[in-house]
Amino acid sequence: MNGQNWTLSTEIVLLGFQHLQNYRIPIFILFLLLYIFTVLANFLIIILVSSSHNLHSPMYCFLCHLSFSDILLTTNTVPNMLLVILKQGTMNLRACITQGYIFALSLSAECLLLTVMSYDRYLAICKPLHYSSIMDNTFHIKLVSGTWLLGSLSPIVTDVLAAKLHFCGVVKMDHFYCDFASLLELSCSDTHAVKFSNILSAAPLTIVPVIFITATYVHIFQTILKIPSKIKIQKAFSTCSSHLTVVCIFYGTVVTLYVFPATGYSLIANKILSLLYTVVTPLLNPIIYSMRNHEIRAALQKFINGRTVMKM
């Protein structure tokens, strides 16, 4: 600690949107509404898939877990952000580490879920005759279980090391949630081991899925372009367009926020990108799948009609 007589701190002050204090009430209402819509939209996807027999397939099972991952991600950050908007919030260091763990878990799970969904689309389009025998009930349950298992195990070592860090004096984080990179910068301990562990655990769960998804879609597009019928080409594209759109939005945001150097952005820009990832993307995912998937739309229409009949 550089030989200085610092007082060790166990709490972190989240500054939130301190430059927008005059607009905190409208901002609070906006993000509260977005959060409610996000949770309801993703829960609706889960309900539709669970209640409709036409949606009992591996692809929609993966979509269910993707919606759950989005709910976990946004619920982990947004409620605390709403409190910080109203007034500067104070977070216990253990709570901060826990929030970081859940954040990393949901991020890892979403990366892996998008990867297995791309493999599912690859089998459906490139190997349709073998799809049922390969992507059977047992295999897709193993894929989902493996996704959550890897997602829950990958951040453990990093978070254990982070919990041993020391923070000196009054620790103020210029963010609306406990951002892990910002947390390391605020520590008065040596953070090299934590940073190395974070890279070691996060890189394979980010780079490998990107390579795998790219490879599967190269094969998918090659197969689609060989189809002689335009109608079948359109149908093949429609089966993977929703997933591809979600992949582009998700990885586009993640790469911009975490891969490019943070020093190239102002704090305000960093917060905006974080908002896109924690608030906007989880809301867009169910909307994209609802708008671009006729089976989801049909299940939604049936669900609405059924509710209307029950009320009558």
C-alpha atoms as a PDB file:
ATOM      1  CA  MET A   1       0.000   0.000   0.000  1.00  0.00           C
ATOM      2  CA  ASN A   2       2.979   2.221  -0.762  1.00  0.00           C
ATOM      3  CA  GLY A   3       3.807   2.680   2.914  1.00  0.00           C
ATOM      4  CA  GLN A   4       0.887   5.044   3.533  1.00  0.00           C
ATOM      5  CA  ASN A   5      -1.415   4.710   6.558  1.00  0.00           C
ATOM      6  CA  TRP A   6      -4.648   4.014   4.703  1.00  0.00           C
ATOM      7  CA  THR A   7      -7.863   2.763   6.316  1.00  0.00           C
ATOM      8  CA  LEU A   8      -9.078  -0.437   4.670  1.00  0.00           C
ATOM      9  CA  SER A   9     -12.552  -0.062   3.230  1.00  0.00           C
ATOM     10  CA  THR A  10     -15.246  -2.751   2.891  1.00  0.00           C
ATOM     11  CA  GLU A  11     -17.745  -0.546   1.066  1.00  0.00           C
ATOM     12  CA  ILE A  12     -17.877   0.958  -2.408  1.00  0.00           C
ATOM     13  CA  VAL A  13     -19.746   4.145  -3.296  1.00  0.00           C
ATOM     14  CA  LEU A  14     -21.475   3.953  -6.683  1.00  0.00           C
ATOM     15  CA  LEU A  15     -21.707   7.420  -8.198  1.00  0.00           C
ATOM     16  CA  GLY A  16     -24.184   6.416 -10.905  1.00  0.00           C
ATOM     17  CA  PHE A  17     -25.316   9.209 -13.237  1.00  0.00           C
ATOM     18  CA  GLN A  18     -24.101  12.115 -11.130  1.00  0.00           C
ATOM     19  CA  HIS A  19     -24.120  14.548 -14.082  1.00  0.00           C
ATOM     20  CA  LEU A  20     -27.824  13.892 -14.710  1.00  0.00           C
ATOM     21  CA  GLN A  21     -29.157  14.478 -11.200  1.00  0.00           C
ATOM     22  CA  ASN A  22     -31.670  17.062 -12.465  1.00  0.00           C
ATOM     23  CA  TYR A  23     -33.272  14.377 -14.632  1.00  0.00           C
ATOM     24  CA  ARG A  24     -33.086  11.482 -12.170  1.00  0.00           C
ATOM     25  CA  ILE A  25     -36.876  11.033 -11.842  1.00  0.00           C
ATOM     26  CA  PRO A  26     -37.580  10.712 -15.618  1.00  0.00           C
ATOM     27  CA  ILE A  27     -34.486   8.478 -16.009  1.00  0.00           C
ATOM     28  CA  PHE A  28     -35.647   6.338 -13.083  1.00  0.00           C
ATOM     29  CA  ILE A  29     -39.130   5.920 -14.619  1.00  0.00           C
ATOM     30  CA  LEU A  30     -37.664   5.126 -18.066  1.00  0.00           C
ATOM     31  CA  PHE A  31     -35.335   2.383 -16.809  1.00  0.00           C
ATOM     32  CA  LEU A  32     -37.973   1.000 -14.462  1.00  0.00           C
ATOM     33  CA  LEU A  33     -40.382   0.604 -17.397  1.00  0.00           C
ATOM     34  CA  LEU A  34     -37.647  -0.941 -19.561  1.00  0.00           C
ATOM     35  CA  TYR A  35     -36.808  -3.388 -16.779  1.00  0.00           C
ATOM     36  CA  ILE A  36     -40.456  -4.385 -16.310  1.00  0.00           C
ATOM     37  CA  PHE A  37     -40.930  -4.879 -20.068  1.00  0.00           C
ATOM     38  CA  THR A  38     -37.692  -6.889 -20.269  1.00  0.00           C
ATOM     39  CA  VAL A  39     -38.665  -9.283 -17.485  1.00  0.00           C
ATOM     40  CA  LEU A  40     -42.237  -9.663 -18.777  1.00  0.00           C
ATOM     41  CA  ALA A  41     -41.116 -10.232 -22.387  1.00  0.00           C
ATOM     42  CA  ASN A  42     -38.591 -12.894 -21.428  1.00  0.00           C
ATOM     43  CA  PHE A  43     -41.002 -14.586 -19.021  1.00  0.00           C
ATOM     44  CA  LEU A  44     -43.549 -14.598 -21.842  1.00  0.00           C
ATOM     45  CA  ILE A  45     -41.108 -16.482 -24.081  1.00  0.00           C
ATOM     46  CA  ILE A  46     -40.574 -19.053 -21.303  1.00  0.00           C
ATOM     47  CA  ILE A  47     -44.341 -19.426 -20.770  1.00  0.00           C
ATOM     48  CA  LEU A  48     -45.057 -19.779 -24.492  1.00  0.00           C
ATOM     49  CA  VAL A  49     -42.380 -22.434 -24.989  1.00  0.00           C
ATOM     50  CA  SER A  50     -43.473 -24.332 -21.870  1.00  0.00           C
ATOM     51  CA  SER A  51     -47.185 -24.279 -22.708  1.00  0.00           C
ATOM     52  CA  SER A  52     -47.160 -24.816 -26.495  1.00  0.00           C
ATOM     53  CA  HIS A  53     -46.634 -28.364 -27.803  1.00  0.00           C
ATOM     54  CA  ASN A  54     -45.481 -26.946 -31.148  1.00  0.00           C
ATOM     55  CA  LEU A  55     -42.508 -25.320 -29.409  1.00  0.00           C
ATOM     56  CA  HIS A  56     -41.265 -28.422 -27.583  1.00  0.00           C
ATOM     57  CA  SER A  57     -38.066 -28.754 -29.599  1.00  0.00           C
ATOM     58  CA  PRO A  58     -34.368 -28.284 -28.723  1.00  0.00           C
ATOM     59  CA  MET A  59     -34.170 -24.887 -30.430  1.00  0.00           C
ATOM     60  CA  TYR A  60     -36.954 -23.446 -28.279  1.00  0.00           C
ATOM     61  CA  CYS A  61     -35.565 -25.130 -25.172  1.00  0.00           C
ATOM     62  CA  PHE A  62     -32.320 -23.230 -25.790  1.00  0.00           C
ATOM     63  CA  LEU A  63     -34.365 -20.058 -26.352  1.00  0.00           C
ATOM     64  CA  CYS A  64     -36.039 -20.577 -22.958  1.00  0.00           C
ATOM     65  CA  HIS A  65     -32.676 -20.722 -21.228  1.00  0.00           C
ATOM     66  CA  LEU A  66     -31.497 -17.674 -23.196  1.00  0.00           C
ATOM     67  CA  SER A  67     -34.500 -15.759 -21.853  1.00  0.00           C
ATOM     68  CA  PHE A  68     -33.722 -16.934 -18.329  1.00  0.00           C
ATOM     69  CA  SER A  69     -30.122 -15.780 -18.774  1.00  0.00           C
ATOM     70  CA  ASP A  70     -31.368 -12.345 -19.887  1.00  0.00           C
ATOM     71  CA  ILE A  71     -33.648 -12.124 -16.834  1.00  0.00           C
ATOM     72  CA  LEU A  72     -30.734 -13.066 -14.583  1.00  0.00           C
ATOM     73  CA  LEU A  73     -28.436 -10.502 -16.200  1.00  0.00           C
ATOM     74  CA  THR A  74     -30.816  -7.558 -16.071  1.00  0.00           C
ATOM     75  CA  THR A  75     -32.154  -8.384 -12.581  1.00  0.00           C
ATOM     76  CA  ASN A  76     -28.594  -8.578 -11.290  1.00  0.00           C
ATOM     77  CA  THR A  77     -27.847  -4.985 -12.305  1.00  0.00           C
ATOM     78  CA  VAL A  78     -30.953  -2.883 -12.987  1.00  0.00           C
ATOM     79  CA  PRO A  79     -32.688  -2.872  -9.533  1.00  0.00           C
ATOM     80  CA  ASN A  80     -29.451  -1.694  -7.928  1.00  0.00           C
ATOM     81  CA  MET A  81     -29.022   0.841 -10.733  1.00  0.00           C
ATOM     82  CA  LEU A  82     -32.504   2.240 -10.008  1.00  0.00           C
ATOM     83  CA  LEU A  83     -31.506   2.859  -6.392  1.00  0.00           C
ATOM     84  CA  VAL A  84     -28.265   4.540  -7.509  1.00  0.00           C
ATOM     85  CA  ILE A  85     -30.203   6.817  -9.879  1.00  0.00           C
ATOM     86  CA  LEU A  86     -32.264   8.200  -7.009  1.00  0.00           C
ATOM     87  CA  LYS A  87     -29.240   8.659  -4.773  1.00  0.00           C
ATOM     88  CA  GLN A  88     -25.617   7.565  -4.682  1.00  0.00           C
ATOM     89  CA  GLY A  89     -25.630   3.977  -3.487  1.00  0.00           C
ATOM     90  CA  THR A  90     -23.206   2.201  -1.192  1.00  0.00           C
ATOM     91  CA  MET A  91     -22.435  -1.460  -1.823  1.00  0.00           C
ATOM     92  CA  ASN A  92     -20.665  -3.873   0.462  1.00  0.00           C
ATOM     93  CA  LEU A  93     -17.548  -5.400  -1.072  1.00  0.00           C
ATOM     94  CA  ARG A  94     -18.954  -8.925  -0.723  1.00  0.00           C
ATOM     95  CA  ALA A  95     -22.165  -7.838  -2.448  1.00  0.00           C
ATOM     96  CA  CYS A  96     -20.047  -6.284  -5.193  1.00  0.00           C
ATOM     97  CA  ILE A  97     -18.119  -9.541  -5.714  1.00  0.00           C
ATOM     98  CA  THR A  98     -21.388 -11.497  -5.729  1.00  0.00           C
ATOM     99  CA  GLN A  99     -22.870  -9.176  -8.329  1.00  0.00           C
ATOM    100  CA  GLY A 100     -19.744  -9.617 -10.426  1.00  0.00           C
ATOM    101  CA  TYR A 101     -20.031 -13.400 -10.144  1.00  0.00           C
ATOM    102  CA  ILE A 102     -23.680 -13.450 -11.279  1.00  0.00           C
ATOM    103  CA  PHE A 103     -22.829 -11.017 -14.071  1.00  0.00           C
ATOM    104  CA  ALA A 104     -20.003 -13.285 -15.294  1.00  0.00           C
ATOM    105  CA  LEU A 105     -22.206 -16.373 -14.949  1.00  0.00           C
ATOM    106  CA  SER A 106     -25.006 -14.911 -17.079  1.00  0.00           C
ATOM    107  CA  LEU A 107     -22.490 -13.567 -19.621  1.00  0.00           C
ATOM    108  CA  SER A 108     -20.769 -16.963 -19.940  1.00  0.00           C
ATOM    109  CA  ALA A 109     -24.082 -18.818 -20.120  1.00  0.00           C
ATOM    110  CA  GLU A 110     -25.350 -16.527 -22.875  1.00  0.00           C
ATOM    111  CA  CYS A 111     -22.144 -16.972 -24.897  1.00  0.00           C
ATOM    112  CA  LEU A 112     -22.429 -20.764 -24.641  1.00  0.00           C
ATOM    113  CA  LEU A 113     -26.180 -20.825 -25.285  1.00  0.00           C
ATOM    114  CA  LEU A 114     -25.747 -18.824 -28.486  1.00  0.00           C
ATOM    115  CA  THR A 115     -23.033 -21.316 -29.457  1.00  0.00           C
ATOM    116  CA  VAL A 116     -25.184 -24.417 -28.944  1.00  0.00           C
ATOM    117  CA  MET A 117     -28.048 -22.671 -30.740  1.00  0.00           C
ATOM    118  CA  SER A 118     -25.784 -22.155 -33.749  1.00  0.00           C
ATOM    119  CA  TYR A 119     -24.884 -25.858 -33.650  1.00  0.00           C
ATOM    120  CA  ASP A 120     -28.592 -26.688 -33.533  1.00  0.00           C
ATOM    121  CA  ARG A 121     -29.217 -24.553 -36.646  1.00  0.00           C
ATOM    122  CA  TYR A 122     -26.199 -26.165 -38.332  1.00  0.00           C
ATOM    123  CA  LEU A 123     -27.632 -29.640 -37.783  1.00  0.00           C
ATOM    124  CA  ALA A 124     -31.132 -28.593 -38.871  1.00  0.00           C
ATOM    125  CA  ILE A 125     -29.951 -27.042 -42.166  1.00  0.00           C
ATOM    126  CA  CYS A 126     -26.764 -28.923 -43.051  1.00  0.00           C
ATOM    127  CA  LYS A 127     -27.641 -32.383 -41.690  1.00  0.00           C
ATOM    128  CA  PRO A 128     -31.456 -32.510 -41.597  1.00  0.00           C
ATOM    129  CA  LEU A 129     -31.637 -36.311 -41.953  1.00  0.00           C
ATOM    130  CA  HIS A 130     -29.442 -36.804 -38.890  1.00  0.00           C
ATOM    131  CA  TYR A 131     -30.916 -33.975 -36.803  1.00  0.00           C
ATOM    132  CA  SER A 132     -33.329 -36.070 -34.743  1.00  0.00           C
ATOM    133  CA  SER A 133     -30.795 -38.785 -34.010  1.00  0.00           C
ATOM    134  CA  ILE A 134     -28.058 -36.335 -32.962  1.00  0.00           C
ATOM    135  CA  MET A 135     -30.067 -33.592 -31.217  1.00  0.00           C
ATOM    136  CA  ASP A 136     -32.223 -35.954 -29.182  1.00  0.00           C
ATOM    137  CA  ASN A 137     -33.713 -35.153 -25.786  1.00  0.00           C
ATOM    138  CA  THR A 138     -30.743 -36.517 -23.820  1.00  0.00           C
ATOM    139  CA  PHE A 139     -28.126 -34.647 -25.853  1.00  0.00           C
ATOM    140  CA  HIS A 140     -29.816 -31.257 -25.735  1.00  0.00           C
ATOM    141  CA  ILE A 141     -30.319 -31.573 -21.963  1.00  0.00           C
ATOM    142  CA  LYS A 142     -26.598 -32.337 -21.631  1.00  0.00           C
ATOM    143  CA  LEU A 143     -25.790 -29.245 -23.704  1.00  0.00           C
ATOM    144  CA  VAL A 144     -27.959 -27.015 -21.516  1.00  0.00           C
ATOM    145  CA  SER A 145     -26.587 -28.529 -18.305  1.00  0.00           C
ATOM    146  CA  GLY A 146     -23.012 -28.144 -19.542  1.00  0.00           C
ATOM    147  CA  THR A 147     -23.692 -24.528 -20.458  1.00  0.00           C
ATOM    148  CA  TRP A 148     -24.825 -23.574 -16.951  1.00  0.00           C
ATOM    149  CA  LEU A 149     -22.163 -25.710 -15.294  1.00  0.00           C
ATOM    150  CA  LEU A 150     -19.320 -24.068 -17.231  1.00  0.00           C
ATOM    151  CA  GLY A 151     -20.910 -20.664 -16.756  1.00  0.00           C
ATOM    152  CA  SER A 152     -21.092 -21.119 -12.992  1.00  0.00           C
ATOM    153  CA  LEU A 153     -17.584 -22.562 -12.605  1.00  0.00           C
ATOM    154  CA  SER A 154     -15.612 -20.178 -14.831  1.00  0.00           C
ATOM    155  CA  PRO A 155     -15.738 -17.043 -12.590  1.00  0.00           C
ATOM    156  CA  ILE A 156     -15.124 -18.804  -9.257  1.00  0.00           C
ATOM    157  CA  VAL A 157     -11.303 -18.565  -9.114  1.00  0.00           C
ATOM    158  CA  THR A 158     -11.298 -14.943 -10.254  1.00  0.00           C
ATOM    159  CA  ASP A 159     -13.928 -13.929  -7.705  1.00  0.00           C
ATOM    160  CA  VAL A 160     -12.131 -15.746  -4.874  1.00  0.00           C
ATOM    161  CA  LEU A 161      -8.948 -13.830  -5.723  1.00  0.00           C
ATOM    162  CA  ALA A 162     -10.883 -10.570  -6.040  1.00  0.00           C
ATOM    163  CA  ALA A 163     -12.420 -11.092  -2.593  1.00  0.00           C
ATOM    164  CA  LYS A 164      -8.901 -11.023  -1.104  1.00  0.00           C
ATOM    165  CA  LEU A 165      -8.071  -7.590  -2.543  1.00  0.00           C
ATOM    166  CA  HIS A 166      -7.695  -4.562  -0.281  1.00  0.00           C
ATOM    167  CA  PHE A 167      -9.398  -1.214  -0.860  1.00  0.00           C
ATOM    168  CA  CYS A 168      -8.063   1.860   0.877  1.00  0.00           C
ATOM    169  CA  GLY A 169      -9.817   5.000   2.026  1.00  0.00           C
ATOM    170  CA  VAL A 170     -13.143   6.044   0.515  1.00  0.00           C
ATOM    171  CA  VAL A 171     -13.709   3.928  -2.601  1.00  0.00           C
ATOM    172  CA  LYS A 172     -15.832   5.655  -5.242  1.00  0.00           C
ATOM    173  CA  MET A 173     -16.780   3.912  -8.487  1.00  0.00           C
ATOM    174  CA  ASP A 174     -18.074   6.098 -11.304  1.00  0.00           C
ATOM    175  CA  HIS A 175     -20.584   3.544 -12.514  1.00  0.00           C
ATOM    176  CA  PHE A 176     -24.168   2.418 -11.896  1.00  0.00           C
ATOM    177  CA  TYR A 177     -23.277  -1.169 -10.956  1.00  0.00           C
ATOM    178  CA  CYS A 178     -20.198  -2.946  -9.618  1.00  0.00           C
ATOM    179  CA  ASP A 179     -18.148  -3.150 -12.812  1.00  0.00           C
ATOM    180  CA  PHE A 180     -15.337  -5.697 -12.379  1.00  0.00           C
ATOM    181  CA  ALA A 181     -12.726  -3.822 -14.434  1.00  0.00           C
ATOM    182  CA  SER A 182     -13.424  -0.616 -12.511  1.00  0.00           C
ATOM    183  CA  LEU A 183     -13.225  -2.525  -9.240  1.00  0.00           C
ATOM    184  CA  LEU A 184      -9.701  -3.756  -9.995  1.00  0.00           C
ATOM    185  CA  GLU A 185      -8.554  -0.232 -10.839  1.00  0.00           C
ATOM    186  CA  LEU A 186      -9.735   0.977  -7.440  1.00  0.00           C
ATOM    187  CA  SER A 187      -7.846  -1.630  -5.423  1.00  0.00           C
ATOM    188  CA  CYS A 188      -4.695  -0.704  -3.531  1.00  0.00           C
ATOM    189  CA  SER A 189      -3.476  -4.330  -3.783  1.00  0.00           C
ATOM    190  CA  ASP A 190      -1.567  -6.067  -6.532  1.00  0.00           C
ATOM    191  CA  THR A 191      -4.233  -7.099  -9.072  1.00  0.00           C
ATOM    192  CA  HIS A 192      -2.053  -8.911 -11.615  1.00  0.00           C
ATOM    193  CA  ALA A 193      -3.119 -12.385 -10.459  1.00  0.00           C
ATOM    194  CA  VAL A 194      -6.812 -11.429 -10.609  1.00  0.00           C
ATOM    195  CA  LYS A 195      -6.472  -9.919 -14.076  1.00  0.00           C
ATOM    196  CA  PHE A 196      -4.592 -12.966 -15.339  1.00  0.00           C
ATOM    197  CA  SER A 197      -7.212 -15.314 -13.884  1.00  0.00           C
ATOM    198  CA  ASN A 198      -9.993 -13.240 -15.450  1.00  0.00           C
ATOM    199  CA  ILE A 199      -8.383 -13.400 -18.893  1.00  0.00           C
ATOM    200  CA  LEU A 200      -7.661 -17.111 -18.496  1.00  0.00           C
ATOM    201  CA  SER A 201     -11.290 -17.908 -17.665  1.00  0.00           C
ATOM    202  CA  ALA A 202     -13.062 -15.377 -19.897  1.00  0.00           C
ATOM    203  CA  ALA A 203     -11.059 -15.631 -23.132  1.00  0.00           C
ATOM    204  CA  PRO A 204     -11.946 -19.261 -23.990  1.00  0.00           C
ATOM    205  CA  LEU A 205     -15.635 -18.594 -23.247  1.00  0.00           C
ATOM    206  CA  THR A 206     -15.611 -15.628 -25.620  1.00  0.00           C
ATOM    207  CA  ILE A 207     -13.148 -16.410 -28.406  1.00  0.00           C
ATOM    208  CA  VAL A 208     -13.982 -20.106 -28.879  1.00  0.00           C
ATOM    209  CA  PRO A 209     -17.751 -19.466 -29.233  1.00  0.00           C
ATOM    210  CA  VAL A 210     -17.118 -16.690 -31.782  1.00  0.00           C
ATOM    211  CA  ILE A 211     -14.920 -18.995 -33.883  1.00  0.00           C
ATOM    212  CA  PHE A 212     -17.405 -21.867 -33.583  1.00  0.00           C
ATOM    213  CA  ILE A 213     -20.438 -19.725 -34.477  1.00  0.00           C
ATOM    214  CA  THR A 214     -18.598 -18.222 -37.458  1.00  0.00           C
ATOM    215  CA  ALA A 215     -17.605 -21.689 -38.708  1.00  0.00           C
ATOM    216  CA  THR A 216     -21.147 -23.066 -38.372  1.00  0.00           C
ATOM    217  CA  TYR A 217     -22.654 -20.131 -40.266  1.00  0.00           C
ATOM    218  CA  VAL A 218     -20.095 -20.455 -43.048  1.00  0.00           C
ATOM    219  CA  HIS A 219     -21.284 -24.058 -43.506  1.00  0.00           C
ATOM    220  CA  ILE A 220     -24.933 -22.985 -43.160  1.00  0.00           C
ATOM    221  CA  PHE A 221     -24.638 -20.311 -45.870  1.00  0.00           C
ATOM    222  CA  GLN A 222     -22.746 -22.678 -48.159  1.00  0.00           C
ATOM    223  CA  THR A 223     -25.522 -25.247 -47.771  1.00  0.00           C
ATOM    224  CA  ILE A 224     -28.304 -22.682 -48.273  1.00  0.00           C
ATOM    225  CA  LEU A 225     -26.736 -21.319 -51.469  1.00  0.00           C
ATOM    226  CA  LYS A 226     -26.792 -24.834 -52.935  1.00  0.00           C
ATOM    227  CA  ILE A 227     -30.567 -25.153 -52.494  1.00  0.00           C
ATOM    228  CA  PRO A 228     -32.264 -24.879 -55.905  1.00  0.00           C
ATOM    229  CA  SER A 229     -35.646 -23.614 -54.670  1.00  0.00           C
ATOM    230  CA  LYS A 230     -35.978 -19.941 -53.728  1.00  0.00           C
ATOM    231  CA  ILE A 231     -38.818 -20.761 -51.357  1.00  0.00           C
ATOM    232  CA  LYS A 232     -36.673 -23.295 -49.515  1.00  0.00           C
ATOM    233  CA  ILE A 233     -33.805 -20.792 -49.413  1.00  0.00           C
ATOM    234  CA  GLN A 234     -36.077 -18.209 -47.767  1.00  0.00           C
ATOM    235  CA  LYS A 235     -37.347 -20.812 -45.298  1.00  0.00           C
ATOM    236  CA  ALA A 236     -33.783 -21.862 -44.438  1.00  0.00           C
ATOM    237  CA  PHE A 237     -32.725 -18.256 -43.882  1.00  0.00           C
ATOM    238  CA  SER A 238     -35.779 -17.590 -41.712  1.00  0.00           C
ATOM    239  CA  THR A 239     -34.874 -20.461 -39.374  1.00  0.00           C
ATOM    240  CA  CYS A 240     -31.526 -18.895 -38.471  1.00  0.00           C
ATOM    241  CA  SER A 241     -32.052 -15.151 -39.062  1.00  0.00           C
ATOM    242  CA  SER A 242     -33.343 -14.482 -35.536  1.00  0.00           C
ATOM    243  CA  HIS A 243     -30.414 -16.260 -33.924  1.00  0.00           C
ATOM    244  CA  LEU A 244     -27.893 -14.541 -36.184  1.00  0.00           C
ATOM    245  CA  THR A 245     -29.396 -11.124 -35.392  1.00  0.00           C
ATOM    246  CA  VAL A 246     -29.159 -11.776 -31.640  1.00  0.00           C
ATOM    247  CA  VAL A 247     -25.562 -13.022 -32.022  1.00  0.00           C
ATOM    248  CA  CYS A 248     -24.528  -9.860 -33.896  1.00  0.00           C
ATOM    249  CA  ILE A 249     -26.126  -7.546 -31.310  1.00  0.00           C
ATOM    250  CA  PHE A 250     -24.738  -9.489 -28.345  1.00  0.00           C
ATOM    251  CA  TYR A 251     -21.163  -9.891 -29.570  1.00  0.00           C
ATOM    252  CA  GLY A 252     -21.098  -6.440 -31.132  1.00  0.00           C
ATOM    253  CA  THR A 253     -21.836  -4.905 -27.740  1.00  0.00           C
ATOM    254  CA  VAL A 254     -19.485  -7.220 -25.826  1.00  0.00           C
ATOM    255  CA  VAL A 255     -16.574  -6.678 -28.212  1.00  0.00           C
ATOM    256  CA  THR A 256     -17.037  -2.904 -28.173  1.00  0.00           C
ATOM    257  CA  LEU A 257     -17.245  -2.783 -24.387  1.00  0.00           C
ATOM    258  CA  TYR A 258     -14.644  -5.338 -23.299  1.00  0.00           C
ATOM    259  CA  VAL A 259     -12.216  -6.019 -26.129  1.00  0.00           C
ATOM    260  CA  PHE A 260     -11.316  -2.501 -27.216  1.00  0.00           C
ATOM    261  CA  PRO A 261      -9.234  -0.543 -24.694  1.00  0.00           C
ATOM    262  CA  ALA A 262     -11.382   1.195 -22.081  1.00  0.00           C
ATOM    263  CA  THR A 263      -9.149   4.272 -22.206  1.00  0.00           C
ATOM    264  CA  GLY A 264     -10.411   5.008 -25.691  1.00  0.00           C
ATOM    265  CA  TYR A 265     -13.822   5.909 -24.304  1.00  0.00           C
ATOM    266  CA  SER A 266     -15.058   8.491 -21.891  1.00  0.00           C
ATOM    267  CA  LEU A 267     -16.785   7.340 -18.735  1.00  0.00           C
ATOM    268  CA  ILE A 268     -20.117   8.453 -20.185  1.00  0.00           C
ATOM    269  CA  ALA A 269     -19.609   6.370 -23.336  1.00  0.00           C
ATOM    270  CA  ASN A 270     -18.650   3.379 -21.190  1.00  0.00           C
ATOM    271  CA  LYS A 271     -21.851   3.741 -19.191  1.00  0.00           C
ATOM    272  CA  ILE A 272     -23.928   3.994 -22.364  1.00  0.00           C
ATOM    273  CA  LEU A 273     -22.403   0.791 -23.711  1.00  0.00           C
ATOM    274  CA  SER A 274     -23.034  -0.899 -20.368  1.00  0.00           C
ATOM    275  CA  LEU A 275     -26.652   0.242 -20.517  1.00  0.00           C
ATOM    276  CA  LEU A 276     -27.011  -1.251 -23.987  1.00  0.00           C
ATOM    277  CA  TYR A 277     -25.729  -4.566 -22.720  1.00  0.00           C
ATOM    278  CA  THR A 278     -27.574  -4.757 -19.389  1.00  0.00           C
ATOM    279  CA  VAL A 279     -30.854  -3.037 -20.300  1.00  0.00           C
ATOM    280  CA  VAL A 280     -31.453  -2.864 -24.050  1.00  0.00           C
ATOM    281  CA  THR A 281     -30.096  -6.209 -25.322  1.00  0.00           C
ATOM    282  CA  PRO A 282     -32.107  -8.395 -22.888  1.00  0.00           C
ATOM    283  CA  LEU A 283     -35.241  -6.573 -24.083  1.00  0.00           C
ATOM    284  CA  LEU A 284     -34.391  -6.862 -27.783  1.00  0.00           C
ATOM    285  CA  ASN A 285     -33.809 -10.636 -27.720  1.00  0.00           C
ATOM    286  CA  PRO A 286     -37.430 -11.722 -27.070  1.00  0.00           C
ATOM    287  CA  ILE A 287     -38.716  -9.021 -29.429  1.00  0.00           C
ATOM    288  CA  ILE A 288     -36.468 -10.243 -32.247  1.00  0.00           C
ATOM    289  CA  TYR A 289     -37.513 -13.861 -31.780  1.00  0.00           C
ATOM    290  CA  SER A 290     -41.194 -12.874 -31.530  1.00  0.00           C
ATOM    291  CA  MET A 291     -41.162 -10.717 -34.654  1.00  0.00           C
ATOM    292  CA  ARG A 292     -39.045 -12.975 -36.888  1.00  0.00           C
ATOM    293  CA  ASN A 293     -40.352 -16.407 -35.881  1.00  0.00           C
ATOM    294  CA  HIS A 294     -43.808 -17.404 -37.133  1.00  0.00           C
ATOM    295  CA  GLU A 295     -44.089 -20.293 -34.646  1.00  0.00           C
ATOM    296  CA  ILE A 296     -43.521 -17.934 -31.708  1.00  0.00           C
ATOM    297  CA  ARG A 297     -46.053 -15.494 -33.174  1.00  0.00           C
ATOM    298  CA  ALA A 298     -48.589 -18.297 -33.637  1.00  0.00           C
ATOM    299  CA  ALA A 299     -48.081 -19.500 -30.065  1.00  0.00           C
ATOM    300  CA  LEU A 300     -48.463 -15.909 -28.813  1.00  0.00           C
ATOM    301  CA  GLN A 301     -51.689 -15.438 -30.774  1.00  0.00           C
ATOM    302  CA  LYS A 302     -53.041 -18.722 -29.408  1.00  0.00           C
ATOM    303  CA  PHE A 303     -52.058 -17.698 -25.885  1.00  0.00           C
ATOM    304  CA  ILE A 304     -53.807 -14.309 -26.229  1.00  0.00           C
ATOM    305  CA  ASN A 305     -56.931 -15.907 -27.713  1.00  0.00           C
ATOM    306  CA  GLY A 306     -56.991 -18.471 -24.917  1.00  0.00           C
ATOM    307  CA  ARG A 307     -56.758 -15.735 -22.260  1.00  0.00           C
ATOM    308  CA  THR A 308     -59.538 -13.786 -23.982  1.00  0.00           C
ATOM    309  CA  VAL A 309     -61.840 -16.842 -24.036  1.00  0.00           C
ATOM    310  CA  MET A 310     -61.148 -17.491 -20.336  1.00  0.00           C
ATOM    311  CA  LYS A 311     -62.121 -13.915 -19.432  1.00  0.00           C
ATOM    312  CA  MET A 312     -65.375 -14.197 -21.398  1.00  0.00           C
END
